[in-house]
PDB file of all heavy atoms in Angstrom:
ATOM      1  N   ALA A   1      67.606  58.108  64.993  1.00  0.00           N
ATOM      2  CA  ALA A   1      67.413  59.186  65.972  1.00  0.00           C
ATOM      3  C   ALA A   1      66.915  60.441  65.271  1.00  0.00           C
ATOM      4  O   ALA A   1      67.744  61.284  64.840  1.00  0.00           O
ATOM      5  CB  ALA A   1      68.704  59.445  66.730  1.00  0.00           C
ATOM      6  N   LEU A   2      65.650  60.540  64.993  1.00  0.00           N
ATOM      7  CA  LEU A   2      65.059  61.564  64.126  1.00  0.00           C
ATOM      8  C   LEU A   2      64.830  62.861  64.898  1.00  0.00           C
ATOM      9  O   LEU A   2      64.340  62.824  66.014  1.00  0.00           O
ATOM     10  CB  LEU A   2      63.805  61.095  63.481  1.00  0.00           C
ATOM     11  CG  LEU A   2      63.893  59.906  62.575  1.00  0.00           C
ATOM     12  CD1 LEU A   2      62.555  59.533  61.951  1.00  0.00           C
ATOM     13  CD2 LEU A   2      64.922  60.067  61.551  1.00  0.00           C
ATOM     14  N   LEU A   3      65.204  63.941  64.261  1.00  0.00           N
ATOM     15  CA  LEU A   3      64.977  65.281  64.834  1.00  0.00           C
ATOM     16  C   LEU A   3      64.620  66.209  63.680  1.00  0.00           C
ATOM     17  O   LEU A   3      65.113  66.036  62.570  1.00  0.00           O
ATOM     18  CB  LEU A   3      66.267  65.750  65.581  1.00  0.00           C
ATOM     19  CG  LEU A   3      66.130  67.051  66.378  1.00  0.00           C
ATOM     20  CD1 LEU A   3      65.163  66.854  67.562  1.00  0.00           C
ATOM     21  CD2 LEU A   3      67.484  67.419  66.894  1.00  0.00           C
ATOM     22  N   THR A   4      63.766  67.187  63.933  1.00  0.00           N
ATOM     23  CA  THR A   4      63.363  68.120  62.876  1.00  0.00           C
ATOM     24  C   THR A   4      63.660  69.537  63.302  1.00  0.00           C
ATOM     25  O   THR A   4      63.471  69.924  64.424  1.00  0.00           O
ATOM     26  CB  THR A   4      61.815  67.979  62.621  1.00  0.00           C
ATOM     27  OG1 THR A   4      61.491  66.645  62.303  1.00  0.00           O
ATOM     28  CG2 THR A   4      61.400  68.892  61.492  1.00  0.00           C
ATOM     29  N   THR A   5      64.298  70.239  62.321  1.00  0.00           N
ATOM     30  CA  THR A   5      64.528  71.699  62.536  1.00  0.00           C
ATOM     31  C   THR A   5      63.743  72.509  61.516  1.00  0.00           C
ATOM     32  O   THR A   5      63.497  72.006  60.399  1.00  0.00           O
ATOM     33  CB  THR A   5      66.051  72.013  62.470  1.00  0.00           C
ATOM     34  OG1 THR A   5      66.268  73.354  62.736  1.00  0.00           O
ATOM     35  CG2 THR A   5      66.596  71.700  61.065  1.00  0.00           C
ATOM     36  N   PHE A   6      63.310  73.705  61.853  1.00  0.00           N
ATOM     37  CA  PHE A   6      62.489  74.499  60.978  1.00  0.00           C
ATOM     38  C   PHE A   6      63.141  75.840  60.628  1.00  0.00           C
ATOM     39  O   PHE A   6      63.983  76.325  61.349  1.00  0.00           O
ATOM     40  CB  PHE A   6      61.098  74.796  61.648  1.00  0.00           C
ATOM     41  CG  PHE A   6      60.403  73.528  62.092  1.00  0.00           C
ATOM     42  CD1 PHE A   6      60.523  73.010  63.360  1.00  0.00           C
ATOM     43  CD2 PHE A   6      59.602  72.874  61.171  1.00  0.00           C
ATOM     44  CE1 PHE A   6      59.858  71.873  63.769  1.00  0.00           C
ATOM     45  CE2 PHE A   6      58.903  71.707  61.562  1.00  0.00           C
ATOM     46  CZ  PHE A   6      59.049  71.190  62.802  1.00  0.00           C
ATOM     47  N   ASN A   7      62.725  76.350  59.515  1.00  0.00           N
ATOM     48  CA  ASN A   7      63.139  77.696  59.084  1.00  0.00           C
ATOM     49  C   ASN A   7      62.032  78.196  58.190  1.00  0.00           C
ATOM     50  O   ASN A   7      61.056  77.508  57.920  1.00  0.00           O
ATOM     51  CB  ASN A   7      64.484  77.678  58.387  1.00  0.00           C
ATOM     52  CG  ASN A   7      65.256  78.984  58.576  1.00  0.00           C
ATOM     53  OD1 ASN A   7      64.670  80.047  58.501  1.00  0.00           O
ATOM     54  ND2 ASN A   7      66.566  78.849  58.832  1.00  0.00           N
ATOM     55  N   GLU A   8      62.180  79.363  57.634  1.00  0.00           N
ATOM     56  CA  GLU A   8      61.251  79.931  56.678  1.00  0.00           C
ATOM     57  C   GLU A   8      62.033  80.657  55.559  1.00  0.00           C
ATOM     58  O   GLU A   8      63.186  81.050  55.795  1.00  0.00           O
ATOM     59  CB  GLU A   8      60.281  80.917  57.346  1.00  0.00           C
ATOM     60  CG  GLU A   8      60.931  82.106  57.963  1.00  0.00           C
ATOM     61  CD  GLU A   8      59.900  83.088  58.644  1.00  0.00           C
ATOM     62  OE1 GLU A   8      58.656  82.809  58.521  1.00  0.00           O
ATOM     63  OE2 GLU A   8      60.355  84.057  59.232  1.00  0.00           O
ATOM     64  N   CYS A   9      61.391  80.850  54.468  1.00  0.00           N
ATOM     65  CA  CYS A   9      62.039  81.521  53.358  1.00  0.00           C
ATOM     66  C   CYS A   9      61.039  82.420  52.600  1.00  0.00           C
ATOM     67  O   CYS A   9      59.850  82.121  52.601  1.00  0.00           O
ATOM     68  CB  CYS A   9      62.767  80.570  52.424  1.00  0.00           C
ATOM     69  SG  CYS A   9      61.644  79.432  51.587  1.00  0.00           S
ATOM     70  N   ASP A  10      61.558  83.474  52.082  1.00  0.00           N
ATOM     71  CA  ASP A  10      60.769  84.453  51.357  1.00  0.00           C
ATOM     72  C   ASP A  10      60.830  84.073  49.842  1.00  0.00           C
ATOM     73  O   ASP A  10      61.938  84.030  49.246  1.00  0.00           O
ATOM     74  CB  ASP A  10      61.389  85.855  51.550  1.00  0.00           C
ATOM     75  CG  ASP A  10      60.595  86.960  50.854  1.00  0.00           C
ATOM     76  OD1 ASP A  10      59.700  86.634  50.059  1.00  0.00           O
ATOM     77  OD2 ASP A  10      60.899  88.112  51.127  1.00  0.00           O
ATOM     78  N   LEU A  11      59.704  83.781  49.231  1.00  0.00           N
ATOM     79  CA  LEU A  11      59.620  83.337  47.798  1.00  0.00           C
ATOM     80  C   LEU A  11      59.518  84.498  46.835  1.00  0.00           C
ATOM     81  O   LEU A  11      59.264  84.228  45.658  1.00  0.00           O
ATOM     82  CB  LEU A  11      58.475  82.404  47.664  1.00  0.00           C
ATOM     83  CG  LEU A  11      58.706  80.857  47.930  1.00  0.00           C
ATOM     84  CD1 LEU A  11      59.667  80.288  46.944  1.00  0.00           C
ATOM     85  CD2 LEU A  11      59.140  80.612  49.350  1.00  0.00           C
ATOM     86  N   SER A  12      59.664  85.741  47.325  1.00  0.00           N
ATOM     87  CA  SER A  12      59.499  86.859  46.451  1.00  0.00           C
ATOM     88  C   SER A  12      60.366  86.826  45.176  1.00  0.00           C
ATOM     89  O   SER A  12      59.932  87.043  44.027  1.00  0.00           O
ATOM     90  CB  SER A  12      59.766  88.190  47.201  1.00  0.00           C
ATOM     91  OG  SER A  12      58.848  88.371  48.265  1.00  0.00           O
ATOM     92  N   ALA A  13      61.691  86.604  45.349  1.00  0.00           N
ATOM     93  CA  ALA A  13      62.600  86.597  44.244  1.00  0.00           C
ATOM     94  C   ALA A  13      62.267  85.441  43.224  1.00  0.00           C
ATOM     95  O   ALA A  13      62.277  85.633  41.999  1.00  0.00           O
ATOM     96  CB  ALA A  13      64.031  86.480  44.733  1.00  0.00           C
ATOM     97  N   VAL A  14      62.009  84.262  43.785  1.00  0.00           N
ATOM     98  CA  VAL A  14      61.632  83.146  42.884  1.00  0.00           C
ATOM     99  C   VAL A  14      60.346  83.441  42.134  1.00  0.00           C
ATOM    100  O   VAL A  14      60.247  83.120  40.931  1.00  0.00           O
ATOM    101  CB  VAL A  14      61.483  81.867  43.716  1.00  0.00           C
ATOM    102  CG1 VAL A  14      60.901  80.714  42.878  1.00  0.00           C
ATOM    103  CG2 VAL A  14      62.870  81.405  44.271  1.00  0.00           C
ATOM    104  N   LYS A  15      59.359  84.042  42.769  1.00  0.00           N
ATOM    105  CA  LYS A  15      58.103  84.332  42.142  1.00  0.00           C
ATOM    106  C   LYS A  15      58.316  85.365  41.016  1.00  0.00           C
ATOM    107  O   LYS A  15      57.758  85.238  39.922  1.00  0.00           O
ATOM    108  CB  LYS A  15      57.104  84.812  43.120  1.00  0.00           C
ATOM    109  CG  LYS A  15      56.578  83.780  44.073  1.00  0.00           C
ATOM    110  CD  LYS A  15      55.395  84.291  44.910  1.00  0.00           C
ATOM    111  CE  LYS A  15      54.155  84.400  44.066  1.00  0.00           C
ATOM    112  NZ  LYS A  15      52.953  84.725  44.865  1.00  0.00           N
ATOM    113  N   ARG A  16      59.204  86.343  41.263  1.00  0.00           N
ATOM    114  CA  ARG A  16      59.466  87.339  40.259  1.00  0.00           C
ATOM    115  C   ARG A  16      60.148  86.686  39.061  1.00  0.00           C
ATOM    116  O   ARG A  16      59.794  87.019  37.855  1.00  0.00           O
ATOM    117  CB  ARG A  16      60.380  88.465  40.768  1.00  0.00           C
ATOM    118  CG  ARG A  16      59.635  89.447  41.713  1.00  0.00           C
ATOM    119  CD  ARG A  16      60.493  90.692  41.907  1.00  0.00           C
ATOM    120  NE  ARG A  16      61.723  90.374  42.550  1.00  0.00           N
ATOM    121  CZ  ARG A  16      61.872  90.441  43.912  1.00  0.00           C
ATOM    122  NH1 ARG A  16      60.855  90.714  44.619  1.00  0.00           N
ATOM    123  NH2 ARG A  16      63.068  90.139  44.442  1.00  0.00           N
ATOM    124  N   LEU A  17      61.078  85.829  39.285  1.00  0.00           N
ATOM    125  CA  LEU A  17      61.793  85.136  38.177  1.00  0.00           C
ATOM    126  C   LEU A  17      60.791  84.322  37.321  1.00  0.00           C
ATOM    127  O   LEU A  17      60.843  84.303  36.090  1.00  0.00           O
ATOM    128  CB  LEU A  17      62.888  84.269  38.708  1.00  0.00           C
ATOM    129  CG  LEU A  17      64.222  84.949  39.131  1.00  0.00           C
ATOM    130  CD1 LEU A  17      65.123  83.965  39.766  1.00  0.00           C
ATOM    131  CD2 LEU A  17      64.849  85.641  37.935  1.00  0.00           C
ATOM    132  N   ARG A  18      59.911  83.622  38.033  1.00  0.00           N
ATOM    133  CA  ARG A  18      58.947  82.777  37.335  1.00  0.00           C
ATOM    134  C   ARG A  18      57.995  83.616  36.493  1.00  0.00           C
ATOM    135  O   ARG A  18      57.672  83.293  35.334  1.00  0.00           O
ATOM    136  CB  ARG A  18      58.103  81.921  38.326  1.00  0.00           C
ATOM    137  CG  ARG A  18      58.959  80.867  38.984  1.00  0.00           C
ATOM    138  CD  ARG A  18      58.081  80.042  39.960  1.00  0.00           C
ATOM    139  NE  ARG A  18      57.207  79.183  39.237  1.00  0.00           N
ATOM    140  CZ  ARG A  18      55.849  79.230  39.418  1.00  0.00           C
ATOM    141  NH1 ARG A  18      55.300  80.071  40.222  1.00  0.00           N
ATOM    142  NH2 ARG A  18      55.118  78.388  38.685  1.00  0.00           N
ATOM    143  N   GLU A  19      57.567  84.729  37.066  1.00  0.00           N
ATOM    144  CA  GLU A  19      56.657  85.648  36.292  1.00  0.00           C
ATOM    145  C   GLU A  19      57.383  86.269  35.118  1.00  0.00           C
ATOM    146  O   GLU A  19      56.807  86.414  34.019  1.00  0.00           O
ATOM    147  CB  GLU A  19      56.113  86.696  37.193  1.00  0.00           C
ATOM    148  CG  GLU A  19      55.163  86.165  38.255  1.00  0.00           C
ATOM    149  CD  GLU A  19      54.805  87.244  39.289  1.00  0.00           C
ATOM    150  OE1 GLU A  19      55.315  88.345  39.189  1.00  0.00           O
ATOM    151  OE2 GLU A  19      54.018  86.943  40.230  1.00  0.00           O
ATOM    152  N   GLN A  20      58.598  86.615  35.285  1.00  0.00           N
ATOM    153  CA  GLN A  20      59.381  87.278  34.227  1.00  0.00           C
ATOM    154  C   GLN A  20      59.756  86.328  33.064  1.00  0.00           C
ATOM    155  O   GLN A  20      59.718  86.755  31.909  1.00  0.00           O
ATOM    156  CB  GLN A  20      60.670  87.887  34.815  1.00  0.00           C
ATOM    157  CG  GLN A  20      61.490  88.682  33.783  1.00  0.00           C
ATOM    158  CD  GLN A  20      62.741  89.336  34.452  1.00  0.00           C
ATOM    159  OE1 GLN A  20      62.919  89.236  35.643  1.00  0.00           O
ATOM    160  NE2 GLN A  20      63.552  89.999  33.648  1.00  0.00           N
ATOM    161  N   TYR A  21      60.093  85.128  33.386  1.00  0.00           N
ATOM    162  CA  TYR A  21      60.628  84.218  32.308  1.00  0.00           C
ATOM    163  C   TYR A  21      59.686  83.026  32.034  1.00  0.00           C
ATOM    164  O   TYR A  21      60.096  82.170  31.228  1.00  0.00           O
ATOM    165  CB  TYR A  21      61.989  83.710  32.740  1.00  0.00           C
ATOM    166  CG  TYR A  21      63.036  84.750  32.842  1.00  0.00           C
ATOM    167  CD1 TYR A  21      63.459  85.229  34.136  1.00  0.00           C
ATOM    168  CD2 TYR A  21      63.584  85.343  31.728  1.00  0.00           C
ATOM    169  CE1 TYR A  21      64.451  86.169  34.209  1.00  0.00           C
ATOM    170  CE2 TYR A  21      64.544  86.357  31.825  1.00  0.00           C
ATOM    171  CZ  TYR A  21      64.948  86.778  33.085  1.00  0.00           C
ATOM    172  OH  TYR A  21      65.878  87.796  33.148  1.00  0.00           O
ATOM    173  N   GLN A  22      58.536  82.951  32.625  1.00  0.00           N
ATOM    174  CA  GLN A  22      57.670  81.797  32.432  1.00  0.00           C
ATOM    175  C   GLN A  22      57.357  81.559  30.967  1.00  0.00           C
ATOM    176  O   GLN A  22      57.454  80.397  30.464  1.00  0.00           O
ATOM    177  CB  GLN A  22      56.357  81.914  33.253  1.00  0.00           C
ATOM    178  CG  GLN A  22      55.499  80.681  33.275  1.00  0.00           C
ATOM    179  CD  GLN A  22      56.152  79.529  34.036  1.00  0.00           C
ATOM    180  OE1 GLN A  22      56.876  78.768  33.417  1.00  0.00           O
ATOM    181  NE2 GLN A  22      55.854  79.466  35.325  1.00  0.00           N
ATOM    182  N   ASP A  23      56.881  82.566  30.236  1.00  0.00           N
ATOM    183  CA  ASP A  23      56.482  82.416  28.889  1.00  0.00           C
ATOM    184  C   ASP A  23      57.593  81.909  28.016  1.00  0.00           C
ATOM    185  O   ASP A  23      57.471  80.993  27.182  1.00  0.00           O
ATOM    186  CB  ASP A  23      55.841  83.703  28.352  1.00  0.00           C
ATOM    187  CG  ASP A  23      54.538  84.044  29.041  1.00  0.00           C
ATOM    188  OD1 ASP A  23      53.891  83.155  29.615  1.00  0.00           O
ATOM    189  OD2 ASP A  23      54.129  85.238  28.909  1.00  0.00           O
ATOM    190  N   SER A  24      58.748  82.579  28.128  1.00  0.00           N
ATOM    191  CA  SER A  24      59.895  82.244  27.312  1.00  0.00           C
ATOM    192  C   SER A  24      60.401  80.847  27.697  1.00  0.00           C
ATOM    193  O   SER A  24      60.854  80.050  26.865  1.00  0.00           O
ATOM    194  CB  SER A  24      61.028  83.227  27.445  1.00  0.00           C
ATOM    195  OG  SER A  24      61.407  83.431  28.791  1.00  0.00           O
ATOM    196  N   PHE A  25      60.310  80.471  28.976  1.00  0.00           N
ATOM    197  CA  PHE A  25      60.754  79.165  29.444  1.00  0.00           C
ATOM    198  C   PHE A  25      59.825  78.067  28.826  1.00  0.00           C
ATOM    199  O   PHE A  25      60.354  77.072  28.310  1.00  0.00           O
ATOM    200  CB  PHE A  25      60.722  79.070  30.962  1.00  0.00           C
ATOM    201  CG  PHE A  25      61.323  77.874  31.580  1.00  0.00           C
ATOM    202  CD1 PHE A  25      62.672  77.854  31.917  1.00  0.00           C
ATOM    203  CD2 PHE A  25      60.585  76.730  31.806  1.00  0.00           C
ATOM    204  CE1 PHE A  25      63.268  76.758  32.482  1.00  0.00           C
ATOM    205  CE2 PHE A  25      61.188  75.593  32.374  1.00  0.00           C
ATOM    206  CZ  PHE A  25      62.509  75.615  32.721  1.00  0.00           C
ATOM    207  N   VAL A  26      58.530  78.259  28.839  1.00  0.00           N
ATOM    208  CA  VAL A  26      57.641  77.326  28.287  1.00  0.00           C
ATOM    209  C   VAL A  26      57.824  77.197  26.771  1.00  0.00           C
ATOM    210  O   VAL A  26      57.771  76.130  26.203  1.00  0.00           O
ATOM    211  CB  VAL A  26      56.199  77.694  28.607  1.00  0.00           C
ATOM    212  CG1 VAL A  26      55.182  76.825  27.854  1.00  0.00           C
ATOM    213  CG2 VAL A  26      55.891  77.608  30.085  1.00  0.00           C
ATOM    214  N   LYS A  27      58.001  78.329  26.154  1.00  0.00           N
ATOM    215  CA  LYS A  27      58.209  78.347  24.674  1.00  0.00           C
ATOM    216  C   LYS A  27      59.400  77.617  24.279  1.00  0.00           C
ATOM    217  O   LYS A  27      59.428  76.826  23.277  1.00  0.00           O
ATOM    218  CB  LYS A  27      58.246  79.810  24.213  1.00  0.00           C
ATOM    219  CG  LYS A  27      58.371  79.889  22.680  1.00  0.00           C
ATOM    220  CD  LYS A  27      58.346  81.336  22.256  1.00  0.00           C
ATOM    221  CE  LYS A  27      58.502  81.482  20.730  1.00  0.00           C
ATOM    222  NZ  LYS A  27      58.486  82.898  20.261  1.00  0.00           N
ATOM    223  N   ARG A  28      60.467  77.690  25.063  1.00  0.00           N
ATOM    224  CA  ARG A  28      61.737  77.068  24.677  1.00  0.00           C
ATOM    225  C   ARG A  28      61.827  75.629  25.075  1.00  0.00           C
ATOM    226  O   ARG A  28      62.312  74.753  24.375  1.00  0.00           O
ATOM    227  CB  ARG A  28      62.915  77.822  25.269  1.00  0.00           C
ATOM    228  CG  ARG A  28      64.299  77.185  25.005  1.00  0.00           C
ATOM    229  CD  ARG A  28      65.390  78.143  25.349  1.00  0.00           C
ATOM    230  NE  ARG A  28      66.692  77.542  24.979  1.00  0.00           N
ATOM    231  CZ  ARG A  28      67.837  78.183  25.134  1.00  0.00           C
ATOM    232  NH1 ARG A  28      67.895  79.418  25.616  1.00  0.00           N
ATOM    233  NH2 ARG A  28      68.987  77.548  24.806  1.00  0.00           N
ATOM    234  N   HIS A  29      61.219  75.283  26.292  1.00  0.00           N
ATOM    235  CA  HIS A  29      61.421  73.966  26.847  1.00  0.00           C
ATOM    236  C   HIS A  29      60.156  73.114  26.823  1.00  0.00           C
ATOM    237  O   HIS A  29      60.277  71.888  27.109  1.00  0.00           O
ATOM    238  CB  HIS A  29      61.973  74.036  28.277  1.00  0.00           C
ATOM    239  CG  HIS A  29      63.262  74.788  28.359  1.00  0.00           C
ATOM    240  ND1 HIS A  29      64.449  74.247  27.836  1.00  0.00           N
ATOM    241  CD2 HIS A  29      63.609  75.952  28.959  1.00  0.00           C
ATOM    242  CE1 HIS A  29      65.440  75.042  28.063  1.00  0.00           C
ATOM    243  NE2 HIS A  29      64.931  76.146  28.771  1.00  0.00           N
ATOM    244  N   GLY A  30      59.002  73.705  26.602  1.00  0.00           N
ATOM    245  CA  GLY A  30      57.745  72.974  26.567  1.00  0.00           C
ATOM    246  C   GLY A  30      57.294  72.532  27.920  1.00  0.00           C
ATOM    247  O   GLY A  30      56.486  71.552  27.950  1.00  0.00           O
ATOM    248  N   VAL A  31      57.721  73.119  28.993  1.00  0.00           N
ATOM    249  CA  VAL A  31      57.312  72.753  30.302  1.00  0.00           C
ATOM    250  C   VAL A  31      57.355  73.993  31.140  1.00  0.00           C
ATOM    251  O   VAL A  31      58.145  74.895  30.912  1.00  0.00           O
ATOM    252  CB  VAL A  31      58.206  71.648  30.931  1.00  0.00           C
ATOM    253  CG1 VAL A  31      59.640  72.155  31.127  1.00  0.00           C
ATOM    254  CG2 VAL A  31      57.658  71.149  32.254  1.00  0.00           C
ATOM    255  N   LYS A  32      56.473  74.086  32.207  1.00  0.00           N
ATOM    256  CA  LYS A  32      56.438  75.266  33.075  1.00  0.00           C
ATOM    257  C   LYS A  32      57.640  75.284  34.022  1.00  0.00           C
ATOM    258  O   LYS A  32      58.083  74.196  34.453  1.00  0.00           O
ATOM    259  CB  LYS A  32      55.140  75.350  33.827  1.00  0.00           C
ATOM    260  CG  LYS A  32      53.943  75.718  33.001  1.00  0.00           C
ATOM    261  CD  LYS A  32      52.711  75.936  33.848  1.00  0.00           C
ATOM    262  CE  LYS A  32      51.539  76.403  33.036  1.00  0.00           C
ATOM    263  NZ  LYS A  32      50.319  76.623  33.897  1.00  0.00           N
ATOM    264  N   LEU A  33      58.047  76.452  34.417  1.00  0.00           N
ATOM    265  CA  LEU A  33      59.036  76.638  35.413  1.00  0.00           C
ATOM    266  C   LEU A  33      58.367  76.645  36.763  1.00  0.00           C
ATOM    267  O   LEU A  33      57.639  77.596  37.097  1.00  0.00           O
ATOM    268  CB  LEU A  33      59.846  77.962  35.192  1.00  0.00           C
ATOM    269  CG  LEU A  33      60.898  78.308  36.221  1.00  0.00           C
ATOM    270  CD1 LEU A  33      62.015  77.262  36.294  1.00  0.00           C
ATOM    271  CD2 LEU A  33      61.488  79.695  35.919  1.00  0.00           C
ATOM    272  N   GLY A  34      58.576  75.609  37.550  1.00  0.00           N
ATOM    273  CA  GLY A  34      57.926  75.493  38.831  1.00  0.00           C
ATOM    274  C   GLY A  34      58.793  75.865  39.970  1.00  0.00           C
ATOM    275  O   GLY A  34      59.996  76.255  39.816  1.00  0.00           O
ATOM    276  N   PHE A  35      58.298  75.693  41.182  1.00  0.00           N
ATOM    277  CA  PHE A  35      59.086  75.972  42.422  1.00  0.00           C
ATOM    278  C   PHE A  35      60.066  74.846  42.742  1.00  0.00           C
ATOM    279  O   PHE A  35      61.134  75.040  43.262  1.00  0.00           O
ATOM    280  CB  PHE A  35      58.166  76.199  43.591  1.00  0.00           C
ATOM    281  CG  PHE A  35      57.415  77.512  43.522  1.00  0.00           C
ATOM    282  CD1 PHE A  35      56.076  77.470  43.152  1.00  0.00           C
ATOM    283  CD2 PHE A  35      58.002  78.694  43.812  1.00  0.00           C
ATOM    284  CE1 PHE A  35      55.329  78.659  43.093  1.00  0.00           C
ATOM    285  CE2 PHE A  35      57.267  79.918  43.750  1.00  0.00           C
ATOM    286  CZ  PHE A  35      55.965  79.827  43.402  1.00  0.00           C
ATOM    287  N   MET A  36      59.643  73.604  42.334  1.00  0.00           N
ATOM    288  CA  MET A  36      60.447  72.443  42.750  1.00  0.00           C
ATOM    289  C   MET A  36      61.862  72.455  42.208  1.00  0.00           C
ATOM    290  O   MET A  36      62.801  72.095  42.893  1.00  0.00           O
ATOM    291  CB  MET A  36      59.762  71.152  42.371  1.00  0.00           C
ATOM    292  CG  MET A  36      60.448  69.875  42.861  1.00  0.00           C
ATOM    293  SD  MET A  36      60.558  69.793  44.624  1.00  0.00           S
ATOM    294  CE  MET A  36      58.909  69.284  45.029  1.00  0.00           C
ATOM    295  N   SER A  37      62.052  72.972  40.948  1.00  0.00           N
ATOM    296  CA  SER A  37      63.386  72.956  40.420  1.00  0.00           C
ATOM    297  C   SER A  37      64.293  73.899  41.169  1.00  0.00           C
ATOM    298  O   SER A  37      65.498  73.591  41.347  1.00  0.00           O
ATOM    299  CB  SER A  37      63.377  73.395  38.931  1.00  0.00           C
ATOM    300  OG  SER A  37      62.695  74.638  38.759  1.00  0.00           O
ATOM    301  N   PHE A  38      63.779  74.991  41.716  1.00  0.00           N
ATOM    302  CA  PHE A  38      64.607  75.853  42.550  1.00  0.00           C
ATOM    303  C   PHE A  38      65.066  75.183  43.836  1.00  0.00           C
ATOM    304  O   PHE A  38      66.171  75.318  44.283  1.00  0.00           O
ATOM    305  CB  PHE A  38      63.824  77.167  42.922  1.00  0.00           C
ATOM    306  CG  PHE A  38      63.687  78.118  41.717  1.00  0.00           C
ATOM    307  CD1 PHE A  38      62.566  78.044  40.901  1.00  0.00           C
ATOM    308  CD2 PHE A  38      64.676  79.045  41.513  1.00  0.00           C
ATOM    309  CE1 PHE A  38      62.425  78.930  39.865  1.00  0.00           C
ATOM    310  CE2 PHE A  38      64.505  79.921  40.445  1.00  0.00           C
ATOM    311  CZ  PHE A  38      63.404  79.898  39.624  1.00  0.00           C
ATOM    312  N   PHE A  39      64.116  74.378  44.376  1.00  0.00           N
ATOM    313  CA  PHE A  39      64.494  73.709  45.637  1.00  0.00           C
ATOM    314  C   PHE A  39      65.430  72.547  45.404  1.00  0.00           C
ATOM    315  O   PHE A  39      66.253  72.249  46.242  1.00  0.00           O
ATOM    316  CB  PHE A  39      63.189  73.227  46.369  1.00  0.00           C
ATOM    317  CG  PHE A  39      62.518  74.349  47.149  1.00  0.00           C
ATOM    318  CD1 PHE A  39      61.536  75.135  46.529  1.00  0.00           C
ATOM    319  CD2 PHE A  39      62.890  74.577  48.435  1.00  0.00           C
ATOM    320  CE1 PHE A  39      60.980  76.171  47.232  1.00  0.00           C
ATOM    321  CE2 PHE A  39      62.315  75.691  49.170  1.00  0.00           C
ATOM    322  CZ  PHE A  39      61.351  76.445  48.568  1.00  0.00           C
ATOM    323  N   VAL A  40      65.280  71.861  44.240  1.00  0.00           N
ATOM    324  CA  VAL A  40      66.221  70.799  43.933  1.00  0.00           C
ATOM    325  C   VAL A  40      67.624  71.414  43.800  1.00  0.00           C
ATOM    326  O   VAL A  40      68.597  70.837  44.340  1.00  0.00           O
ATOM    327  CB  VAL A  40      65.832  70.087  42.633  1.00  0.00           C
ATOM    328  CG1 VAL A  40      66.935  69.165  42.132  1.00  0.00           C
ATOM    329  CG2 VAL A  40      64.559  69.272  42.839  1.00  0.00           C
TER     330      VAL A  40
END
């Protein structure tokens, strides 16, 4: 019995974090900080 509900979210804070820490994140872990990890 499938039903879908919707909402929306503001990605401003996540985008700021990615911009602020992307270079250091890549340097330390060797992979980019994407949006999917936040949603997981």
